[in-house]
Amino acid sequence: MPLVRTSDLVTSARATGEPVFAFNVITVEHAEAIAAGAESADRPAILQISENAVKFHGGRVGPIAAAASAVAAASTARLSLHLDHVEDRTLLRQAHAHGFSSVMFDASKLPYGDNVKATAEAVRWGRERDIWVEAELGRVGGKAGDAHTPGVRTDPAEAAAYVADTGVDALAVAVGSTHAMTARTATLDHALITALRAAVPVPLVLHGSSGVPDEELRRAVAAGMTKINVGTALNTAFTDAVRAFLEAHPSTVDPRSYLRPARAAMGETVAGFLRNVSRRW
């Protein structure tokens, strides 16, 4: 079906107390796997393309965005297209032309005052184009310091002021998760999630969810998380499947031979997250 809007998926999820998952797209196989997993689990999902993925594709967002959109159009699942962790304002300004209904503008590396100013400008730009804007406050592990270092987690009072001053539609918060984890061993600060949910009027987003066990994710959703981002778990499934195939068939040269099981493994991973964390299952 045609792409749906990220804001619609997030609003619906928040109203029902369900999570909505955003999965990172690097290749067309990622997009196909996410669609297949969403169809299998009968759940919506967000196709999420990061600035780093755009850099991988030579700095051109159009081709991978078009491929993801085409995959969504051919799918029976409700899928949206989201541009993630955008720091480059030139890339930000391309979002609308390439079918993105949402962006995560990442000014988290800037001093607080500069973060607020840059994010407010991005939100104003998004409002003019009906683009939903997510931002980040605090430092999620794996980017700039350990997730458990004192002072890196999001402060509820600061979060409330940040949302009021920027007008963001959703807020990614630092509550103990870490980007790029390959083992699901992270523990979250559920009391902090509850406090943040009470402090801010917009949906909360959890980045670095690949390393968070299902039960921790279920508790996080119950405490107030709405959008759950997953990337590394798909890449782990992809790489493990490719490695296993090539070890068993070392003379293989046709990439379709190993991309097929890799895509299937990612699809199973997507369906697993959607089934195991949703309160419906």
C-alpha atoms as a PDB file:
ATOM      1  CA  MET A   1       0.000   0.000   0.000  1.00  0.00           C
ATOM      2  CA  PRO A   2       1.128   3.623  -0.315  1.00  0.00           C
ATOM      3  CA  LEU A   3       3.342   5.035   2.405  1.00  0.00           C
ATOM      4  CA  VAL A   4       1.510   6.135   5.527  1.00  0.00           C
ATOM      5  CA  ARG A   5       2.591   9.027   7.709  1.00  0.00           C
ATOM      6  CA  THR A   6       4.934   8.429  10.635  1.00  0.00           C
ATOM      7  CA  SER A   7       2.876  10.835  12.736  1.00  0.00           C
ATOM      8  CA  ASP A   8      -0.210   8.671  12.202  1.00  0.00           C
ATOM      9  CA  LEU A   9       1.612   5.505  13.297  1.00  0.00           C
ATOM     10  CA  VAL A  10       3.093   7.155  16.372  1.00  0.00           C
ATOM     11  CA  THR A  11      -0.158   8.871  17.372  1.00  0.00           C
ATOM     12  CA  SER A  12      -2.091   5.619  17.078  1.00  0.00           C
ATOM     13  CA  ALA A  13       0.535   3.686  19.025  1.00  0.00           C
ATOM     14  CA  ARG A  14       0.602   6.230  21.818  1.00  0.00           C
ATOM     15  CA  ALA A  15      -3.191   6.289  22.084  1.00  0.00           C
ATOM     16  CA  THR A  16      -3.378   2.503  22.456  1.00  0.00           C
ATOM     17  CA  GLY A  17      -0.288   2.042  24.616  1.00  0.00           C
ATOM     18  CA  GLU A  18       1.393  -0.022  21.908  1.00  0.00           C
ATOM     19  CA  PRO A  19       4.925   0.502  20.586  1.00  0.00           C
ATOM     20  CA  VAL A  20       5.668   1.360  16.992  1.00  0.00           C
ATOM     21  CA  PHE A  21       9.006   0.043  15.766  1.00  0.00           C
ATOM     22  CA  ALA A  22      11.368   1.869  13.422  1.00  0.00           C
ATOM     23  CA  PHE A  23      13.881  -0.365  11.656  1.00  0.00           C
ATOM     24  CA  ASN A  24      16.998   0.906   9.895  1.00  0.00           C
ATOM     25  CA  VAL A  25      17.240   0.509   6.128  1.00  0.00           C
ATOM     26  CA  ILE A  26      20.702   0.247   4.589  1.00  0.00           C
ATOM     27  CA  THR A  27      20.047  -1.849   1.481  1.00  0.00           C
ATOM     28  CA  VAL A  28      16.928  -2.759  -0.473  1.00  0.00           C
ATOM     29  CA  GLU A  29      17.115  -6.164   1.243  1.00  0.00           C
ATOM     30  CA  HIS A  30      16.679  -4.403   4.588  1.00  0.00           C
ATOM     31  CA  ALA A  31      13.519  -2.703   3.333  1.00  0.00           C
ATOM     32  CA  GLU A  32      12.152  -5.942   1.912  1.00  0.00           C
ATOM     33  CA  ALA A  33      12.879  -7.753   5.168  1.00  0.00           C
ATOM     34  CA  ILE A  34      11.158  -5.085   7.261  1.00  0.00           C
ATOM     35  CA  ALA A  35       8.086  -5.247   5.035  1.00  0.00           C
ATOM     36  CA  ALA A  36       8.031  -9.042   5.198  1.00  0.00           C
ATOM     37  CA  GLY A  37       8.428  -9.039   8.972  1.00  0.00           C
ATOM     38  CA  ALA A  38       5.669  -6.469   9.405  1.00  0.00           C
ATOM     39  CA  GLU A  39       3.363  -8.494   7.181  1.00  0.00           C
ATOM     40  CA  SER A  40       4.129 -11.692   9.093  1.00  0.00           C
ATOM     41  CA  ALA A  41       3.438 -10.048  12.455  1.00  0.00           C
ATOM     42  CA  ASP A  42       0.472  -8.052  11.115  1.00  0.00           C
ATOM     43  CA  ARG A  43       1.910  -4.870  12.583  1.00  0.00           C
ATOM     44  CA  PRO A  44       2.901  -1.479  11.127  1.00  0.00           C
ATOM     45  CA  ALA A  45       6.520  -0.351  11.034  1.00  0.00           C
ATOM     46  CA  ILE A  46       8.706   2.602  10.126  1.00  0.00           C
ATOM     47  CA  LEU A  47      11.346   2.302   7.395  1.00  0.00           C
ATOM     48  CA  GLN A  48      14.173   4.402   8.763  1.00  0.00           C
ATOM     49  CA  ILE A  49      17.072   5.682   6.647  1.00  0.00           C
ATOM     50  CA  SER A  50      19.889   7.346   8.558  1.00  0.00           C
ATOM     51  CA  GLU A  51      22.314  10.011   7.425  1.00  0.00           C
ATOM     52  CA  ASN A  52      25.059   7.382   7.717  1.00  0.00           C
ATOM     53  CA  ALA A  53      23.134   5.124   5.331  1.00  0.00           C
ATOM     54  CA  VAL A  54      22.831   8.018   2.897  1.00  0.00           C
ATOM     55  CA  LYS A  55      26.606   8.521   3.113  1.00  0.00           C
ATOM     56  CA  PHE A  56      27.048   4.813   2.337  1.00  0.00           C
ATOM     57  CA  HIS A  57      25.048   5.402  -0.848  1.00  0.00           C
ATOM     58  CA  GLY A  58      27.390   8.139  -1.988  1.00  0.00           C
ATOM     59  CA  GLY A  59      25.525  10.939  -0.261  1.00  0.00           C
ATOM     60  CA  ARG A  60      22.480  10.472  -2.518  1.00  0.00           C
ATOM     61  CA  VAL A  61      19.274   9.945  -0.556  1.00  0.00           C
ATOM     62  CA  GLY A  62      16.997   9.657  -3.591  1.00  0.00           C
ATOM     63  CA  PRO A  63      17.750   6.114  -4.820  1.00  0.00           C
ATOM     64  CA  ILE A  64      17.493   4.333  -1.448  1.00  0.00           C
ATOM     65  CA  ALA A  65      14.427   6.399  -0.487  1.00  0.00           C
ATOM     66  CA  ALA A  66      12.775   5.507  -3.792  1.00  0.00           C
ATOM     67  CA  ALA A  67      13.597   1.829  -3.294  1.00  0.00           C
ATOM     68  CA  ALA A  68      12.152   1.815   0.233  1.00  0.00           C
ATOM     69  CA  SER A  69       9.035   3.628  -0.971  1.00  0.00           C
ATOM     70  CA  ALA A  70       8.574   1.091  -3.767  1.00  0.00           C
ATOM     71  CA  VAL A  71       8.904  -1.778  -1.285  1.00  0.00           C
ATOM     72  CA  ALA A  72       6.265  -0.154   0.912  1.00  0.00           C
ATOM     73  CA  ALA A  73       3.935   0.338  -2.055  1.00  0.00           C
ATOM     74  CA  ALA A  74       4.175  -3.374  -2.880  1.00  0.00           C
ATOM     75  CA  SER A  75       3.559  -4.442   0.735  1.00  0.00           C
ATOM     76  CA  THR A  76       0.287  -5.073   2.547  1.00  0.00           C
ATOM     77  CA  ALA A  77       1.779  -3.672   5.770  1.00  0.00           C
ATOM     78  CA  ARG A  78       1.328  -0.085   6.936  1.00  0.00           C
ATOM     79  CA  LEU A  79       4.794   1.421   6.513  1.00  0.00           C
ATOM     80  CA  SER A  80       6.139   4.950   6.771  1.00  0.00           C
ATOM     81  CA  LEU A  81       9.435   6.512   5.689  1.00  0.00           C
ATOM     82  CA  HIS A  82      11.610   8.322   8.224  1.00  0.00           C
ATOM     83  CA  LEU A  83      14.962  10.119   7.801  1.00  0.00           C
ATOM     84  CA  ASP A  84      17.037   9.435  10.907  1.00  0.00           C
ATOM     85  CA  HIS A  85      19.890  11.141  12.792  1.00  0.00           C
ATOM     86  CA  VAL A  86      20.161  14.039  10.366  1.00  0.00           C
ATOM     87  CA  GLU A  87      22.898  16.528  11.207  1.00  0.00           C
ATOM     88  CA  ASP A  88      23.431  17.879   7.680  1.00  0.00           C
ATOM     89  CA  ARG A  89      20.877  20.629   7.045  1.00  0.00           C
ATOM     90  CA  THR A  90      21.255  20.196   3.296  1.00  0.00           C
ATOM     91  CA  LEU A  91      20.082  16.602   3.688  1.00  0.00           C
ATOM     92  CA  LEU A  92      17.269  17.742   5.975  1.00  0.00           C
ATOM     93  CA  ARG A  93      15.952  20.029   3.268  1.00  0.00           C
ATOM     94  CA  GLN A  94      15.772  17.103   0.823  1.00  0.00           C
ATOM     95  CA  ALA A  95      13.427  15.059   3.010  1.00  0.00           C
ATOM     96  CA  HIS A  96      10.133  16.337   1.656  1.00  0.00           C
ATOM     97  CA  ALA A  97      11.094  15.883  -1.999  1.00  0.00           C
ATOM     98  CA  HIS A  98      11.946  12.214  -1.432  1.00  0.00           C
ATOM     99  CA  GLY A  99       8.790  11.105   0.337  1.00  0.00           C
ATOM    100  CA  PHE A 100       9.812  11.285   3.982  1.00  0.00           C
ATOM    101  CA  SER A 101       6.951  12.257   6.284  1.00  0.00           C
ATOM    102  CA  SER A 102       9.271  12.554   9.291  1.00  0.00           C
ATOM    103  CA  VAL A 103      12.845  13.325  10.259  1.00  0.00           C
ATOM    104  CA  MET A 104      14.963  12.977  13.364  1.00  0.00           C
ATOM    105  CA  PHE A 105      17.068  16.141  13.466  1.00  0.00           C
ATOM    106  CA  ASP A 106      20.106  15.414  15.613  1.00  0.00           C
ATOM    107  CA  ALA A 107      21.702  18.469  17.212  1.00  0.00           C
ATOM    108  CA  SER A 108      22.587  16.531  20.381  1.00  0.00           C
ATOM    109  CA  LYS A 109      26.324  17.102  19.903  1.00  0.00           C
ATOM    110  CA  LEU A 110      25.850  20.864  20.197  1.00  0.00           C
ATOM    111  CA  PRO A 111      25.809  22.840  23.458  1.00  0.00           C
ATOM    112  CA  TYR A 112      22.300  22.987  24.880  1.00  0.00           C
ATOM    113  CA  GLY A 113      21.496  26.511  23.709  1.00  0.00           C
ATOM    114  CA  ASP A 114      22.727  25.819  20.175  1.00  0.00           C
ATOM    115  CA  ASN A 115      20.817  22.518  20.152  1.00  0.00           C
ATOM    116  CA  VAL A 116      17.596  24.342  21.029  1.00  0.00           C
ATOM    117  CA  LYS A 117      18.122  27.017  18.383  1.00  0.00           C
ATOM    118  CA  ALA A 118      19.011  24.581  15.586  1.00  0.00           C
ATOM    119  CA  THR A 119      16.203  22.184  16.464  1.00  0.00           C
ATOM    120  CA  ALA A 120      13.599  24.961  16.656  1.00  0.00           C
ATOM    121  CA  GLU A 121      14.668  26.060  13.170  1.00  0.00           C
ATOM    122  CA  ALA A 122      14.311  22.476  11.902  1.00  0.00           C
ATOM    123  CA  VAL A 123      10.852  22.238  13.469  1.00  0.00           C
ATOM    124  CA  ARG A 124       9.735  25.481  11.810  1.00  0.00           C
ATOM    125  CA  TRP A 125      11.007  24.152   8.490  1.00  0.00           C
ATOM    126  CA  GLY A 126       9.141  20.898   9.064  1.00  0.00           C
ATOM    127  CA  ARG A 127       5.875  22.616  10.013  1.00  0.00           C
ATOM    128  CA  GLU A 128       5.872  24.473   6.696  1.00  0.00           C
ATOM    129  CA  ARG A 129       6.075  21.128   4.875  1.00  0.00           C
ATOM    130  CA  ASP A 130       3.920  19.006   7.195  1.00  0.00           C
ATOM    131  CA  ILE A 131       6.942  16.979   8.308  1.00  0.00           C
ATOM    132  CA  TRP A 132       6.954  15.458  11.801  1.00  0.00           C
ATOM    133  CA  VAL A 133      10.225  16.223  13.623  1.00  0.00           C
ATOM    134  CA  GLU A 134      11.924  14.127  16.299  1.00  0.00           C
ATOM    135  CA  ALA A 135      14.949  15.339  18.259  1.00  0.00           C
ATOM    136  CA  GLU A 136      17.279  13.982  20.949  1.00  0.00           C
ATOM    137  CA  LEU A 137      18.200  15.224  24.392  1.00  0.00           C
ATOM    138  CA  GLY A 138      20.858  13.505  26.486  1.00  0.00           C
ATOM    139  CA  ARG A 139      23.500  11.159  25.127  1.00  0.00           C
ATOM    140  CA  VAL A 140      22.475   7.676  24.083  1.00  0.00           C
ATOM    141  CA  GLY A 141      25.365   5.274  24.645  1.00  0.00           C
ATOM    142  CA  GLY A 142      27.542   4.283  21.724  1.00  0.00           C
ATOM    143  CA  LYS A 143      27.663   7.814  20.285  1.00  0.00           C
ATOM    144  CA  ALA A 144      29.316  10.037  22.850  1.00  0.00           C
ATOM    145  CA  GLY A 145      30.171   8.261  26.047  1.00  0.00           C
ATOM    146  CA  ASP A 146      28.852   5.349  28.045  1.00  0.00           C
ATOM    147  CA  ALA A 147      25.086   5.134  28.612  1.00  0.00           C
ATOM    148  CA  HIS A 148      25.661   4.626  32.320  1.00  0.00           C
ATOM    149  CA  THR A 149      27.983   7.589  32.915  1.00  0.00           C
ATOM    150  CA  PRO A 150      26.467  10.056  35.412  1.00  0.00           C
ATOM    151  CA  GLY A 151      25.033  13.119  33.741  1.00  0.00           C
ATOM    152  CA  VAL A 152      24.412  11.704  30.268  1.00  0.00           C
ATOM    153  CA  ARG A 153      20.818  10.632  30.854  1.00  0.00           C
ATOM    154  CA  THR A 154      17.950  12.926  30.008  1.00  0.00           C
ATOM    155  CA  ASP A 155      16.736  15.164  32.822  1.00  0.00           C
ATOM    156  CA  PRO A 156      12.905  15.447  32.971  1.00  0.00           C
ATOM    157  CA  ALA A 157      12.850  19.156  33.797  1.00  0.00           C
ATOM    158  CA  GLU A 158      15.317  19.945  31.026  1.00  0.00           C
ATOM    159  CA  ALA A 159      13.309  17.740  28.651  1.00  0.00           C
ATOM    160  CA  ALA A 160      10.126  19.683  29.414  1.00  0.00           C
ATOM    161  CA  ALA A 161      11.867  22.992  28.728  1.00  0.00           C
ATOM    162  CA  TYR A 162      13.484  21.622  25.566  1.00  0.00           C
ATOM    163  CA  VAL A 163      10.175  20.437  24.116  1.00  0.00           C
ATOM    164  CA  ALA A 164       8.518  23.754  24.947  1.00  0.00           C
ATOM    165  CA  ASP A 165      11.344  25.790  23.419  1.00  0.00           C
ATOM    166  CA  THR A 166      11.772  23.720  20.238  1.00  0.00           C
ATOM    167  CA  GLY A 167       8.243  22.517  19.514  1.00  0.00           C
ATOM    168  CA  VAL A 168       9.441  19.026  18.567  1.00  0.00           C
ATOM    169  CA  ASP A 169       6.860  16.340  17.821  1.00  0.00           C
ATOM    170  CA  ALA A 170       8.750  13.550  19.609  1.00  0.00           C
ATOM    171  CA  LEU A 171      11.769  13.281  21.883  1.00  0.00           C
ATOM    172  CA  ALA A 172      14.486  10.621  21.864  1.00  0.00           C
ATOM    173  CA  VAL A 173      15.788  10.249  25.409  1.00  0.00           C
ATOM    174  CA  ALA A 174      18.819   8.678  27.052  1.00  0.00           C
ATOM    175  CA  VAL A 175      17.639   6.122  29.623  1.00  0.00           C
ATOM    176  CA  GLY A 176      20.337   3.448  29.502  1.00  0.00           C
ATOM    177  CA  SER A 177      20.278   2.001  25.987  1.00  0.00           C
ATOM    178  CA  THR A 178      23.357   1.943  23.776  1.00  0.00           C
ATOM    179  CA  HIS A 179      23.745   2.134  20.007  1.00  0.00           C
ATOM    180  CA  ALA A 180      25.367  -0.771  18.134  1.00  0.00           C
ATOM    181  CA  MET A 181      24.996  -3.442  20.837  1.00  0.00           C
ATOM    182  CA  THR A 182      25.160  -6.988  19.460  1.00  0.00           C
ATOM    183  CA  ALA A 183      24.066  -8.679  22.716  1.00  0.00           C
ATOM    184  CA  ARG A 184      20.694  -7.980  24.297  1.00  0.00           C
ATOM    185  CA  THR A 185      21.916  -7.233  27.804  1.00  0.00           C
ATOM    186  CA  ALA A 186      21.037  -3.562  28.363  1.00  0.00           C
ATOM    187  CA  THR A 187      18.970  -2.506  31.354  1.00  0.00           C
ATOM    188  CA  LEU A 188      16.861   0.639  31.272  1.00  0.00           C
ATOM    189  CA  ASP A 189      15.976   3.211  33.894  1.00  0.00           C
ATOM    190  CA  HIS A 190      12.215   2.637  33.998  1.00  0.00           C
ATOM    191  CA  ALA A 191      11.645   5.165  36.778  1.00  0.00           C
ATOM    192  CA  LEU A 192      13.282   7.803  34.584  1.00  0.00           C
ATOM    193  CA  ILE A 193      11.083   6.800  31.631  1.00  0.00           C
ATOM    194  CA  THR A 194       8.008   7.245  33.822  1.00  0.00           C
ATOM    195  CA  ALA A 195       9.233  10.660  34.968  1.00  0.00           C
ATOM    196  CA  LEU A 196       9.984  11.757  31.412  1.00  0.00           C
ATOM    197  CA  ARG A 197       6.572  10.593  30.222  1.00  0.00           C
ATOM    198  CA  ALA A 198       4.967  12.716  32.929  1.00  0.00           C
ATOM    199  CA  ALA A 199       7.171  15.724  32.161  1.00  0.00           C
ATOM    200  CA  VAL A 200       6.795  16.039  28.388  1.00  0.00           C
ATOM    201  CA  PRO A 201       3.638  16.150  26.251  1.00  0.00           C
ATOM    202  CA  VAL A 202       5.129  14.444  23.180  1.00  0.00           C
ATOM    203  CA  PRO A 203       5.889  10.757  22.441  1.00  0.00           C
ATOM    204  CA  LEU A 204       9.164   9.347  23.751  1.00  0.00           C
ATOM    205  CA  VAL A 205      11.601   7.508  21.490  1.00  0.00           C
ATOM    206  CA  LEU A 206      14.082   4.813  22.487  1.00  0.00           C
ATOM    207  CA  HIS A 207      17.240   4.647  20.366  1.00  0.00           C
ATOM    208  CA  GLY A 208      19.699   1.754  20.595  1.00  0.00           C
ATOM    209  CA  SER A 209      17.004  -0.850  21.204  1.00  0.00           C
ATOM    210  CA  SER A 210      18.828  -3.761  19.557  1.00  0.00           C
ATOM    211  CA  GLY A 211      20.654  -4.415  22.824  1.00  0.00           C
ATOM    212  CA  VAL A 212      17.539  -4.290  25.002  1.00  0.00           C
ATOM    213  CA  PRO A 213      15.835  -7.598  25.954  1.00  0.00           C
ATOM    214  CA  ASP A 214      12.143  -8.072  25.125  1.00  0.00           C
ATOM    215  CA  GLU A 215      11.012  -7.845  28.748  1.00  0.00           C
ATOM    216  CA  GLU A 216      12.936  -4.592  29.210  1.00  0.00           C
ATOM    217  CA  LEU A 217      11.291  -3.218  26.075  1.00  0.00           C
ATOM    218  CA  ARG A 218       7.836  -4.264  27.285  1.00  0.00           C
ATOM    219  CA  ARG A 219       8.467  -2.505  30.598  1.00  0.00           C
ATOM    220  CA  ALA A 220       9.739   0.570  28.767  1.00  0.00           C
ATOM    221  CA  VAL A 221       6.571   0.739  26.682  1.00  0.00           C
ATOM    222  CA  ALA A 222       4.423   0.334  29.797  1.00  0.00           C
ATOM    223  CA  ALA A 223       6.397   3.168  31.418  1.00  0.00           C
ATOM    224  CA  GLY A 224       5.853   5.518  28.486  1.00  0.00           C
ATOM    225  CA  MET A 225       8.033   4.731  25.465  1.00  0.00           C
ATOM    226  CA  THR A 226       6.254   4.832  22.108  1.00  0.00           C
ATOM    227  CA  LYS A 227       8.719   4.704  19.173  1.00  0.00           C
ATOM    228  CA  ILE A 228      11.362   1.968  19.408  1.00  0.00           C
ATOM    229  CA  ASN A 229      14.378   2.143  17.060  1.00  0.00           C
ATOM    230  CA  VAL A 230      16.176  -1.022  15.953  1.00  0.00           C
ATOM    231  CA  GLY A 231      19.150  -1.243  13.612  1.00  0.00           C
ATOM    232  CA  THR A 232      22.072  -3.391  14.729  1.00  0.00           C
ATOM    233  CA  ALA A 233      19.899  -6.459  15.363  1.00  0.00           C
ATOM    234  CA  LEU A 234      19.032  -6.567  11.659  1.00  0.00           C
ATOM    235  CA  ASN A 235      22.676  -6.198  10.648  1.00  0.00           C
ATOM    236  CA  THR A 236      23.681  -8.970  13.044  1.00  0.00           C
ATOM    237  CA  ALA A 237      21.081 -11.314  11.555  1.00  0.00           C
ATOM    238  CA  PHE A 238      22.137 -10.346   8.031  1.00  0.00           C
ATOM    239  CA  THR A 239      25.856 -10.858   8.643  1.00  0.00           C
ATOM    240  CA  ASP A 240      25.438 -14.104  10.579  1.00  0.00           C
ATOM    241  CA  ALA A 241      23.375 -15.571   7.729  1.00  0.00           C
ATOM    242  CA  VAL A 242      25.850 -14.478   5.053  1.00  0.00           C
ATOM    243  CA  ARG A 243      28.801 -15.788   7.063  1.00  0.00           C
ATOM    244  CA  ALA A 244      27.145 -19.152   7.663  1.00  0.00           C
ATOM    245  CA  PHE A 245      26.220 -19.554   4.015  1.00  0.00           C
ATOM    246  CA  LEU A 246      29.672 -18.680   2.709  1.00  0.00           C
ATOM    247  CA  GLU A 247      31.377 -20.940   5.220  1.00  0.00           C
ATOM    248  CA  ALA A 248      29.179 -23.808   4.030  1.00  0.00           C
ATOM    249  CA  HIS A 249      29.478 -22.859   0.338  1.00  0.00           C
ATOM    250  CA  PRO A 250      32.916 -21.225  -0.078  1.00  0.00           C
ATOM    251  CA  SER A 251      32.859 -21.341  -3.871  1.00  0.00           C
ATOM    252  CA  THR A 252      29.661 -19.281  -4.159  1.00  0.00           C
ATOM    253  CA  VAL A 253      29.934 -16.109  -6.228  1.00  0.00           C
ATOM    254  CA  ASP A 254      26.276 -15.303  -6.920  1.00  0.00           C
ATOM    255  CA  PRO A 255      25.235 -12.794  -4.227  1.00  0.00           C
ATOM    256  CA  ARG A 256      21.616 -13.862  -4.506  1.00  0.00           C
ATOM    257  CA  SER A 257      22.584 -17.178  -2.948  1.00  0.00           C
ATOM    258  CA  TYR A 258      23.582 -15.588   0.359  1.00  0.00           C
ATOM    259  CA  LEU A 259      21.423 -12.445   0.261  1.00  0.00           C
ATOM    260  CA  ARG A 260      18.286 -14.603   0.204  1.00  0.00           C
ATOM    261  CA  PRO A 261      18.910 -16.219   3.623  1.00  0.00           C
ATOM    262  CA  ALA A 262      20.254 -12.916   4.944  1.00  0.00           C
ATOM    263  CA  ARG A 263      17.047 -11.144   3.977  1.00  0.00           C
ATOM    264  CA  ALA A 264      14.963 -13.930   5.489  1.00  0.00           C
ATOM    265  CA  ALA A 265      16.936 -13.744   8.757  1.00  0.00           C
ATOM    266  CA  MET A 266      16.314 -10.008   8.989  1.00  0.00           C
ATOM    267  CA  GLY A 267      12.626 -10.537   8.320  1.00  0.00           C
ATOM    268  CA  GLU A 268      12.416 -13.062  11.146  1.00  0.00           C
ATOM    269  CA  THR A 269      14.201 -10.600  13.438  1.00  0.00           C
ATOM    270  CA  VAL A 270      11.739  -7.852  12.580  1.00  0.00           C
ATOM    271  CA  ALA A 271       8.754 -10.131  13.161  1.00  0.00           C
ATOM    272  CA  GLY A 272      10.246 -11.234  16.475  1.00  0.00           C
ATOM    273  CA  PHE A 273      10.486  -7.689  17.800  1.00  0.00           C
ATOM    274  CA  LEU A 274       6.981  -6.865  16.613  1.00  0.00           C
ATOM    275  CA  ARG A 275       5.423  -9.989  18.096  1.00  0.00           C
ATOM    276  CA  ASN A 276       7.340 -10.204  21.355  1.00  0.00           C
ATOM    277  CA  VAL A 277       7.060  -6.606  22.509  1.00  0.00           C
ATOM    278  CA  SER A 278       3.538  -5.735  21.398  1.00  0.00           C
ATOM    279  CA  ARG A 279       1.006  -6.053  24.179  1.00  0.00           C
ATOM    280  CA  ARG A 280      -1.394  -7.690  21.701  1.00  0.00           C
ATOM    281  CA  TRP A 281       0.620 -10.900  21.535  1.00  0.00           C
END
